[in-house]
Amino acid sequence: MKARKAAGVTAELHFHDLRHTGNTLAQTAGAGTRELMTRMGNSSSRAALIYQHMTSDRDRAIADRLGAMIRGGGGVAGPEPSEKDRAGS
């Protein structure tokens, strides 16, 4: 209680809130399920999955990466259509 007051932290903030924030930030920084499990001391993935939130930034990064894979030929899309195909012949 003394440390919390000295740090200027209100009573509404709980230890679990700090744990959740820290692990969510770790996930955002790239930590996978196994790494979160290790950081938290969990033996099952259930708890680690709680911290793996989808963010708009991460969604954009995934979409960009998929687009690059497709454009580069490393994705699941088929080959580029030929000039003949594009002309409708």
PDB file of N, CA and C in Angstrom:
ATOM      1  N   MET A   1       0.827  -1.178   0.000  1.00  0.00           N
ATOM      2  CA  MET A   1       0.000   0.000   0.000  1.00  0.00           C
ATOM      3  C   MET A   1       0.878   1.250   0.000  1.00  0.00           C
ATOM      4  N   LYS A   2       1.954   1.238   0.773  1.00  0.00           N
ATOM      5  CA  LYS A   2       2.864   2.387   0.792  1.00  0.00           C
ATOM      6  C   LYS A   2       3.498   2.601  -0.581  1.00  0.00           C
ATOM      7  N   ALA A   3       3.928   1.512  -1.201  1.00  0.00           N
ATOM      8  CA  ALA A   3       4.575   1.602  -2.514  1.00  0.00           C
ATOM      9  C   ALA A   3       3.595   2.135  -3.561  1.00  0.00           C
ATOM     10  N   ARG A   4       2.365   1.673  -3.493  1.00  0.00           N
ATOM     11  CA  ARG A   4       1.361   2.140  -4.448  1.00  0.00           C
ATOM     12  C   ARG A   4       1.132   3.638  -4.292  1.00  0.00           C
ATOM     13  N   LYS A   5       0.999   4.090  -3.061  1.00  0.00           N
ATOM     14  CA  LYS A   5       0.795   5.522  -2.817  1.00  0.00           C
ATOM     15  C   LYS A   5       2.016   6.326  -3.249  1.00  0.00           C
ATOM     16  N   ALA A   6       3.202   5.815  -2.951  1.00  0.00           N
ATOM     17  CA  ALA A   6       4.437   6.516  -3.323  1.00  0.00           C
ATOM     18  C   ALA A   6       4.568   6.648  -4.846  1.00  0.00           C
ATOM     19  N   ALA A   7       4.057   5.652  -5.554  1.00  0.00           N
ATOM     20  CA  ALA A   7       4.121   5.667  -7.016  1.00  0.00           C
ATOM     21  C   ALA A   7       2.982   6.470  -7.630  1.00  0.00           C
ATOM     22  N   GLY A   8       2.033   6.887  -6.798  1.00  0.00           N
ATOM     23  CA  GLY A   8       0.901   7.651  -7.302  1.00  0.00           C
ATOM     24  C   GLY A   8      -0.127   6.806  -8.028  1.00  0.00           C
ATOM     25  N   VAL A   9      -0.195   5.534  -7.668  1.00  0.00           N
ATOM     26  CA  VAL A   9      -1.127   4.604  -8.303  1.00  0.00           C
ATOM     27  C   VAL A   9      -2.383   4.511  -7.445  1.00  0.00           C
ATOM     28  N   THR A  10      -3.545   4.621  -8.084  1.00  0.00           N
ATOM     29  CA  THR A  10      -4.801   4.575  -7.342  1.00  0.00           C
ATOM     30  C   THR A  10      -5.151   3.160  -6.913  1.00  0.00           C
ATOM     31  N   ALA A  11      -6.060   3.061  -5.974  1.00  0.00           N
ATOM     32  CA  ALA A  11      -6.497   1.762  -5.452  1.00  0.00           C
ATOM     33  C   ALA A  11      -7.280   0.966  -6.495  1.00  0.00           C
ATOM     34  N   GLU A  12      -7.779   1.636  -7.545  1.00  0.00           N
ATOM     35  CA  GLU A  12      -8.536   0.943  -8.581  1.00  0.00           C
ATOM     36  C   GLU A  12      -7.640   0.059  -9.451  1.00  0.00           C
ATOM     37  N   LEU A  13      -6.346   0.317  -9.457  1.00  0.00           N
ATOM     38  CA  LEU A  13      -5.420  -0.486 -10.250  1.00  0.00           C
ATOM     39  C   LEU A  13      -5.001  -1.708  -9.442  1.00  0.00           C
ATOM     40  N   HIS A  14      -5.144  -2.862 -10.039  1.00  0.00           N
ATOM     41  CA  HIS A  14      -4.796  -4.111  -9.368  1.00  0.00           C
ATOM     42  C   HIS A  14      -3.579  -4.739 -10.031  1.00  0.00           C
ATOM     43  N   PHE A  15      -2.897  -5.607  -9.312  1.00  0.00           N
ATOM     44  CA  PHE A  15      -1.726  -6.293  -9.847  1.00  0.00           C
ATOM     45  C   PHE A  15      -2.060  -6.983 -11.159  1.00  0.00           C
ATOM     46  N   HIS A  16      -3.236  -7.599 -11.226  1.00  0.00           N
ATOM     47  CA  HIS A  16      -3.622  -8.320 -12.438  1.00  0.00           C
ATOM     48  C   HIS A  16      -3.701  -7.376 -13.644  1.00  0.00           C
ATOM     49  N   ASP A  17      -4.096  -6.128 -13.416  1.00  0.00           N
ATOM     50  CA  ASP A  17      -4.149  -5.156 -14.511  1.00  0.00           C
ATOM     51  C   ASP A  17      -2.756  -4.944 -15.102  1.00  0.00           C
ATOM     52  N   LEU A  18      -1.755  -4.872 -14.240  1.00  0.00           N
ATOM     53  CA  LEU A  18      -0.378  -4.698 -14.705  1.00  0.00           C
ATOM     54  C   LEU A  18       0.091  -5.933 -15.461  1.00  0.00           C
ATOM     55  N   ARG A  19      -0.265  -7.091 -14.952  1.00  0.00           N
ATOM     56  CA  ARG A  19       0.092  -8.361 -15.615  1.00  0.00           C
ATOM     57  C   ARG A  19      -0.547  -8.419 -17.004  1.00  0.00           C
ATOM     58  N   HIS A  20      -1.814  -8.048 -17.068  1.00  0.00           N
ATOM     59  CA  HIS A  20      -2.524  -8.083 -18.350  1.00  0.00           C
ATOM     60  C   HIS A  20      -1.888  -7.104 -19.338  1.00  0.00           C
ATOM     61  N   THR A  21      -1.621  -5.895 -18.901  1.00  0.00           N
ATOM     62  CA  THR A  21      -1.002  -4.895 -19.776  1.00  0.00           C
ATOM     63  C   THR A  21       0.372  -5.356 -20.246  1.00  0.00           C
ATOM     64  N   GLY A  22       1.186  -5.849 -19.334  1.00  0.00           N
ATOM     65  CA  GLY A  22       2.536  -6.304 -19.684  1.00  0.00           C
ATOM     66  C   GLY A  22       2.523  -7.431 -20.691  1.00  0.00           C
ATOM     67  N   ASN A  23       1.639  -8.386 -20.492  1.00  0.00           N
ATOM     68  CA  ASN A  23       1.584  -9.528 -21.410  1.00  0.00           C
ATOM     69  C   ASN A  23       0.932  -9.168 -22.741  1.00  0.00           C
ATOM     70  N   THR A  24      -0.011  -8.240 -22.730  1.00  0.00           N
ATOM     71  CA  THR A  24      -0.588  -7.766 -23.990  1.00  0.00           C
ATOM     72  C   THR A  24       0.479  -7.028 -24.788  1.00  0.00           C
ATOM     73  N   LEU A  25       1.288  -6.203 -24.115  1.00  0.00           N
ATOM     74  CA  LEU A  25       2.382  -5.505 -24.801  1.00  0.00           C
ATOM     75  C   LEU A  25       3.417  -6.496 -25.334  1.00  0.00           C
ATOM     76  N   ALA A  26       3.700  -7.548 -24.566  1.00  0.00           N
ATOM     77  CA  ALA A  26       4.648  -8.569 -25.021  1.00  0.00           C
ATOM     78  C   ALA A  26       4.122  -9.254 -26.280  1.00  0.00           C
ATOM     79  N   GLN A  27       2.837  -9.555 -26.309  1.00  0.00           N
ATOM     80  CA  GLN A  27       2.229 -10.168 -27.488  1.00  0.00           C
ATOM     81  C   GLN A  27       2.315  -9.223 -28.667  1.00  0.00           C
ATOM     82  N   THR A  28       2.029  -7.939 -28.446  1.00  0.00           N
ATOM     83  CA  THR A  28       2.104  -6.942 -29.513  1.00  0.00           C
ATOM     84  C   THR A  28       3.529  -6.822 -30.046  1.00  0.00           C
ATOM     85  N   ALA A  29       4.504  -7.018 -29.163  1.00  0.00           N
ATOM     86  CA  ALA A  29       5.912  -6.945 -29.558  1.00  0.00           C
ATOM     87  C   ALA A  29       6.366  -8.200 -30.305  1.00  0.00           C
ATOM     88  N   GLY A  30       5.490  -9.199 -30.394  1.00  0.00           N
ATOM     89  CA  GLY A  30       5.822 -10.376 -31.182  1.00  0.00           C
ATOM     90  C   GLY A  30       5.900 -11.678 -30.406  1.00  0.00           C
ATOM     91  N   ALA A  31       5.658 -11.662 -29.110  1.00  0.00           N
ATOM     92  CA  ALA A  31       5.709 -12.901 -28.333  1.00  0.00           C
ATOM     93  C   ALA A  31       4.594 -13.840 -28.778  1.00  0.00           C
ATOM     94  N   GLY A  32       4.948 -15.088 -28.975  1.00  0.00           N
ATOM     95  CA  GLY A  32       3.982 -16.108 -29.341  1.00  0.00           C
ATOM     96  C   GLY A  32       3.390 -16.768 -28.107  1.00  0.00           C
ATOM     97  N   THR A  33       2.521 -17.725 -28.330  1.00  0.00           N
ATOM     98  CA  THR A  33       1.841 -18.404 -27.224  1.00  0.00           C
ATOM     99  C   THR A  33       2.831 -19.041 -26.258  1.00  0.00           C
ATOM    100  N   ARG A  34       3.805 -19.779 -26.780  1.00  0.00           N
ATOM    101  CA  ARG A  34       4.783 -20.457 -25.914  1.00  0.00           C
ATOM    102  C   ARG A  34       5.584 -19.435 -25.100  1.00  0.00           C
ATOM    103  N   GLU A  35       5.961 -18.339 -25.730  1.00  0.00           N
ATOM    104  CA  GLU A  35       6.731 -17.309 -25.019  1.00  0.00           C
ATOM    105  C   GLU A  35       5.896 -16.648 -23.926  1.00  0.00           C
ATOM    106  N   LEU A  36       4.630 -16.395 -24.206  1.00  0.00           N
ATOM    107  CA  LEU A  36       3.761 -15.833 -23.171  1.00  0.00           C
ATOM    108  C   LEU A  36       3.571 -16.822 -22.030  1.00  0.00           C
ATOM    109  N   MET A  37       3.429 -18.097 -22.369  1.00  0.00           N
ATOM    110  CA  MET A  37       3.282 -19.117 -21.339  1.00  0.00           C
ATOM    111  C   MET A  37       4.500 -19.117 -20.410  1.00  0.00           C
ATOM    112  N   THR A  38       5.685 -19.019 -20.999  1.00  0.00           N
ATOM    113  CA  THR A  38       6.910 -19.020 -20.206  1.00  0.00           C
ATOM    114  C   THR A  38       6.992 -17.773 -19.329  1.00  0.00           C
ATOM    115  N   ARG A  39       6.684 -16.626 -19.912  1.00  0.00           N
ATOM    116  CA  ARG A  39       6.719 -15.364 -19.160  1.00  0.00           C
ATOM    117  C   ARG A  39       5.775 -15.391 -17.970  1.00  0.00           C
ATOM    118  N   MET A  40       4.602 -16.021 -18.153  1.00  0.00           N
ATOM    119  CA  MET A  40       3.585 -16.032 -17.105  1.00  0.00           C
ATOM    120  C   MET A  40       3.698 -17.229 -16.171  1.00  0.00           C
ATOM    121  N   GLY A  41       4.502 -18.213 -16.545  1.00  0.00           N
ATOM    122  CA  GLY A  41       4.638 -19.403 -15.714  1.00  0.00           C
ATOM    123  C   GLY A  41       3.473 -20.364 -15.854  1.00  0.00           C
ATOM    124  N   ASN A  42       2.831 -20.370 -17.019  1.00  0.00           N
ATOM    125  CA  ASN A  42       1.695 -21.262 -17.246  1.00  0.00           C
ATOM    126  C   ASN A  42       2.132 -22.528 -17.956  1.00  0.00           C
ATOM    127  N   SER A  43       1.438 -23.625 -17.672  1.00  0.00           N
ATOM    128  CA  SER A  43       1.752 -24.879 -18.342  1.00  0.00           C
ATOM    129  C   SER A  43       0.759 -25.187 -19.462  1.00  0.00           C
ATOM    130  N   SER A  44      -0.330 -24.414 -19.557  1.00  0.00           N
ATOM    131  CA  SER A  44      -1.273 -24.614 -20.659  1.00  0.00           C
ATOM    132  C   SER A  44      -1.400 -23.306 -21.445  1.00  0.00           C
ATOM    133  N   SER A  45      -1.834 -23.437 -22.678  1.00  0.00           N
ATOM    134  CA  SER A  45      -1.943 -22.260 -23.540  1.00  0.00           C
ATOM    135  C   SER A  45      -3.197 -21.434 -23.253  1.00  0.00           C
ATOM    136  N   ARG A  46      -4.119 -21.969 -22.496  1.00  0.00           N
ATOM    137  CA  ARG A  46      -5.397 -21.290 -22.242  1.00  0.00           C
ATOM    138  C   ARG A  46      -5.199 -19.873 -21.702  1.00  0.00           C
ATOM    139  N   ALA A  47      -4.384 -19.709 -20.685  1.00  0.00           N
ATOM    140  CA  ALA A  47      -4.169 -18.375 -20.108  1.00  0.00           C
ATOM    141  C   ALA A  47      -3.448 -17.458 -21.082  1.00  0.00           C
ATOM    142  N   ALA A  48      -2.478 -17.986 -21.804  1.00  0.00           N
ATOM    143  CA  ALA A  48      -1.711 -17.166 -22.749  1.00  0.00           C
ATOM    144  C   ALA A  48      -2.600 -16.617 -23.853  1.00  0.00           C
ATOM    145  N   LEU A  49      -3.603 -17.383 -24.260  1.00  0.00           N
ATOM    146  CA  LEU A  49      -4.487 -16.933 -25.332  1.00  0.00           C
ATOM    147  C   LEU A  49      -5.293 -15.697 -24.944  1.00  0.00           C
ATOM    148  N   ILE A  50      -5.500 -15.491 -23.656  1.00  0.00           N
ATOM    149  CA  ILE A  50      -6.226 -14.313 -23.179  1.00  0.00           C
ATOM    150  C   ILE A  50      -5.518 -13.032 -23.612  1.00  0.00           C
ATOM    151  N   TYR A  51      -4.201 -13.070 -23.685  1.00  0.00           N
ATOM    152  CA  TYR A  51      -3.416 -11.876 -23.980  1.00  0.00           C
ATOM    153  C   TYR A  51      -3.179 -11.675 -25.470  1.00  0.00           C
ATOM    154  N   GLN A  52      -3.630 -12.588 -26.275  1.00  0.00           N
ATOM    155  CA  GLN A  52      -3.394 -12.487 -27.711  1.00  0.00           C
ATOM    156  C   GLN A  52      -4.584 -11.813 -28.384  1.00  0.00           C
ATOM    157  N   HIS A  53      -4.630 -10.501 -28.239  1.00  0.00           N
ATOM    158  CA  HIS A  53      -5.687  -9.689 -28.825  1.00  0.00           C
ATOM    159  C   HIS A  53      -5.348  -9.336 -30.265  1.00  0.00           C
ATOM    160  N   MET A  54      -6.353  -9.232 -31.075  1.00  0.00           N
ATOM    161  CA  MET A  54      -6.155  -8.754 -32.439  1.00  0.00           C
ATOM    162  C   MET A  54      -6.218  -7.235 -32.385  1.00  0.00           C
ATOM    163  N   THR A  55      -5.229  -6.597 -32.943  1.00  0.00           N
ATOM    164  CA  THR A  55      -5.232  -5.140 -33.016  1.00  0.00           C
ATOM    165  C   THR A  55      -5.311  -4.724 -34.479  1.00  0.00           C
ATOM    166  N   SER A  56      -5.776  -3.511 -34.719  1.00  0.00           N
ATOM    167  CA  SER A  56      -5.880  -3.045 -36.097  1.00  0.00           C
ATOM    168  C   SER A  56      -4.500  -2.953 -36.737  1.00  0.00           C
ATOM    169  N   ASP A  57      -3.477  -2.579 -35.973  1.00  0.00           N
ATOM    170  CA  ASP A  57      -2.117  -2.514 -36.508  1.00  0.00           C
ATOM    171  C   ASP A  57      -1.646  -3.901 -36.942  1.00  0.00           C
ATOM    172  N   ARG A  58      -1.906  -4.882 -36.111  1.00  0.00           N
ATOM    173  CA  ARG A  58      -1.482  -6.248 -36.427  1.00  0.00           C
ATOM    174  C   ARG A  58      -2.263  -6.793 -37.617  1.00  0.00           C
ATOM    175  N   ASP A  59      -3.560  -6.485 -37.674  1.00  0.00           N
ATOM    176  CA  ASP A  59      -4.374  -6.919 -38.795  1.00  0.00           C
ATOM    177  C   ASP A  59      -3.842  -6.320 -40.096  1.00  0.00           C
ATOM    178  N   ARG A  60      -3.459  -5.048 -40.076  1.00  0.00           N
ATOM    179  CA  ARG A  60      -2.903  -4.388 -41.261  1.00  0.00           C
ATOM    180  C   ARG A  60      -1.581  -5.045 -41.670  1.00  0.00           C
ATOM    181  N   ALA A  61      -0.741  -5.366 -40.680  1.00  0.00           N
ATOM    182  CA  ALA A  61       0.548  -6.004 -40.966  1.00  0.00           C
ATOM    183  C   ALA A  61       0.344  -7.375 -41.611  1.00  0.00           C
ATOM    184  N   ILE A  62      -0.636  -8.130 -41.122  1.00  0.00           N
ATOM    185  CA  ILE A  62      -0.927  -9.448 -41.693  1.00  0.00           C
ATOM    186  C   ILE A  62      -1.417  -9.291 -43.133  1.00  0.00           C
ATOM    187  N   ALA A  63      -2.329  -8.354 -43.356  1.00  0.00           N
ATOM    188  CA  ALA A  63      -2.851  -8.128 -44.712  1.00  0.00           C
ATOM    189  C   ALA A  63      -1.738  -7.695 -45.657  1.00  0.00           C
ATOM    190  N   ASP A  64      -0.857  -6.808 -45.194  1.00  0.00           N
ATOM    191  CA  ASP A  64       0.263  -6.361 -46.027  1.00  0.00           C
ATOM    192  C   ASP A  64       1.194  -7.517 -46.373  1.00  0.00           C
ATOM    193  N   ARG A  65       1.470  -8.357 -45.400  1.00  0.00           N
ATOM    194  CA  ARG A  65       2.353  -9.504 -45.625  1.00  0.00           C
ATOM    195  C   ARG A  65       1.732 -10.492 -46.603  1.00  0.00           C
ATOM    196  N   LEU A  66       0.443 -10.753 -46.447  1.00  0.00           N
ATOM    197  CA  LEU A  66      -0.240 -11.650 -47.377  1.00  0.00           C
ATOM    198  C   LEU A  66      -0.211 -11.081 -48.791  1.00  0.00           C
ATOM    199  N   GLY A  67      -0.446  -9.777 -48.921  1.00  0.00           N
ATOM    200  CA  GLY A  67      -0.390  -9.139 -50.230  1.00  0.00           C
ATOM    201  C   GLY A  67       0.982  -9.268 -50.863  1.00  0.00           C
ATOM    202  N   ALA A  68       2.022  -9.070 -50.062  1.00  0.00           N
ATOM    203  CA  ALA A  68       3.391  -9.199 -50.571  1.00  0.00           C
ATOM    204  C   ALA A  68       3.683 -10.627 -51.002  1.00  0.00           C
ATOM    205  N   MET A  69       3.179 -11.606 -50.241  1.00  0.00           N
ATOM    206  CA  MET A  69       3.390 -13.006 -50.601  1.00  0.00           C
ATOM    207  C   MET A  69       2.718 -13.321 -51.931  1.00  0.00           C
ATOM    208  N   ILE A  70       1.509 -12.821 -52.112  1.00  0.00           N
ATOM    209  CA  ILE A  70       0.767 -13.094 -53.343  1.00  0.00           C
ATOM    210  C   ILE A  70       1.440 -12.404 -54.528  1.00  0.00           C
ATOM    211  N   ARG A  71       1.808 -11.142 -54.356  1.00  0.00           N
ATOM    212  CA  ARG A  71       2.473 -10.419 -55.441  1.00  0.00           C
ATOM    213  C   ARG A  71       3.817 -11.028 -55.788  1.00  0.00           C
ATOM    214  N   GLY A  72       4.500 -11.575 -54.785  1.00  0.00           N
ATOM    215  CA  GLY A  72       5.818 -12.160 -55.004  1.00  0.00           C
ATOM    216  C   GLY A  72       5.776 -13.607 -55.452  1.00  0.00           C
ATOM    217  N   GLY A  73       4.599 -14.171 -55.601  1.00  0.00           N
ATOM    218  CA  GLY A  73       4.491 -15.559 -56.037  1.00  0.00           C
ATOM    219  C   GLY A  73       4.601 -16.559 -54.907  1.00  0.00           C
ATOM    220  N   GLY A  74       4.759 -16.086 -53.672  1.00  0.00           N
ATOM    221  CA  GLY A  74       4.894 -17.007 -52.551  1.00  0.00           C
ATOM    222  C   GLY A  74       3.582 -17.296 -51.864  1.00  0.00           C
ATOM    223  N   GLY A  75       2.495 -16.706 -52.359  1.00  0.00           N
ATOM    224  CA  GLY A  75       1.195 -16.894 -51.737  1.00  0.00           C
ATOM    225  C   GLY A  75       0.416 -18.020 -52.374  1.00  0.00           C
ATOM    226  N   VAL A  76      -0.873 -18.024 -52.140  1.00  0.00           N
ATOM    227  CA  VAL A  76      -1.722 -19.099 -52.628  1.00  0.00           C
ATOM    228  C   VAL A  76      -2.375 -18.776 -53.962  1.00  0.00           C
ATOM    229  N   ALA A  77      -2.219 -17.546 -54.443  1.00  0.00           N
ATOM    230  CA  ALA A  77      -2.839 -17.168 -55.719  1.00  0.00           C
ATOM    231  C   ALA A  77      -2.147 -17.875 -56.873  1.00  0.00           C
ATOM    232  N   GLY A  78      -2.887 -18.070 -57.934  1.00  0.00           N
ATOM    233  CA  GLY A  78      -2.334 -18.699 -59.124  1.00  0.00           C
ATOM    234  C   GLY A  78      -1.437 -17.733 -59.883  1.00  0.00           C
ATOM    235  N   PRO A  79      -0.936 -18.170 -61.042  1.00  0.00           N
ATOM    236  CA  PRO A  79      -0.043 -17.320 -61.825  1.00  0.00           C
ATOM    237  C   PRO A  79      -0.779 -16.107 -62.373  1.00  0.00           C
ATOM    238  N   GLU A  80      -0.013 -15.059 -62.667  1.00  0.00           N
ATOM    239  CA  GLU A  80      -0.579 -13.851 -63.296  1.00  0.00           C
ATOM    240  C   GLU A  80      -1.206 -14.230 -64.619  1.00  0.00           C
ATOM    241  N   PRO A  81      -2.347 -13.647 -64.969  1.00  0.00           N
ATOM    242  CA  PRO A  81      -2.938 -13.949 -66.276  1.00  0.00           C
ATOM    243  C   PRO A  81      -2.055 -13.409 -67.400  1.00  0.00           C
ATOM    244  N   SER A  82      -2.043 -14.144 -68.494  1.00  0.00           N
ATOM    245  CA  SER A  82      -1.235 -13.715 -69.643  1.00  0.00           C
ATOM    246  C   SER A  82      -1.950 -12.574 -70.358  1.00  0.00           C
ATOM    247  N   GLU A  83      -1.238 -11.922 -71.284  1.00  0.00           N
ATOM    248  CA  GLU A  83      -1.840 -10.860 -72.100  1.00  0.00           C
ATOM    249  C   GLU A  83      -3.058 -11.407 -72.835  1.00  0.00           C
ATOM    250  N   LYS A  84      -2.943 -12.631 -73.321  1.00  0.00           N
ATOM    251  CA  LYS A  84      -4.041 -13.264 -74.046  1.00  0.00           C
ATOM    252  C   LYS A  84      -5.268 -13.415 -73.143  1.00  0.00           C
ATOM    253  N   ASP A  85      -5.051 -13.852 -71.878  1.00  0.00           N
ATOM    254  CA  ASP A  85      -6.154 -14.016 -70.929  1.00  0.00           C
ATOM    255  C   ASP A  85      -6.806 -12.678 -70.611  1.00  0.00           C
ATOM    256  N   ARG A  86      -5.983 -11.634 -70.437  1.00  0.00           N
ATOM    257  CA  ARG A  86      -6.500 -10.324 -70.093  1.00  0.00           C
ATOM    258  C   ARG A  86      -7.306  -9.723 -71.251  1.00  0.00           C
ATOM    259  N   ALA A  87      -6.950 -10.064 -72.455  1.00  0.00           N
ATOM    260  CA  ALA A  87      -7.656  -9.544 -73.626  1.00  0.00           C
ATOM    261  C   ALA A  87      -8.972 -10.272 -73.855  1.00  0.00           C
ATOM    262  N   GLY A  88      -9.184 -11.359 -73.119  1.00  0.00           N
ATOM    263  CA  GLY A  88     -10.425 -12.107 -73.241  1.00  0.00           C
ATOM    264  C   GLY A  88     -10.462 -13.073 -74.404  1.00  0.00           C
ATOM    265  N   SER A  89      -9.310 -13.420 -74.942  1.00  0.00           N
ATOM    266  CA  SER A  89      -9.269 -14.343 -76.096  1.00  0.00           C
ATOM    267  C   SER A  89      -9.160 -15.760 -75.634  1.00  0.00           C
TER     268      SER A  89
END
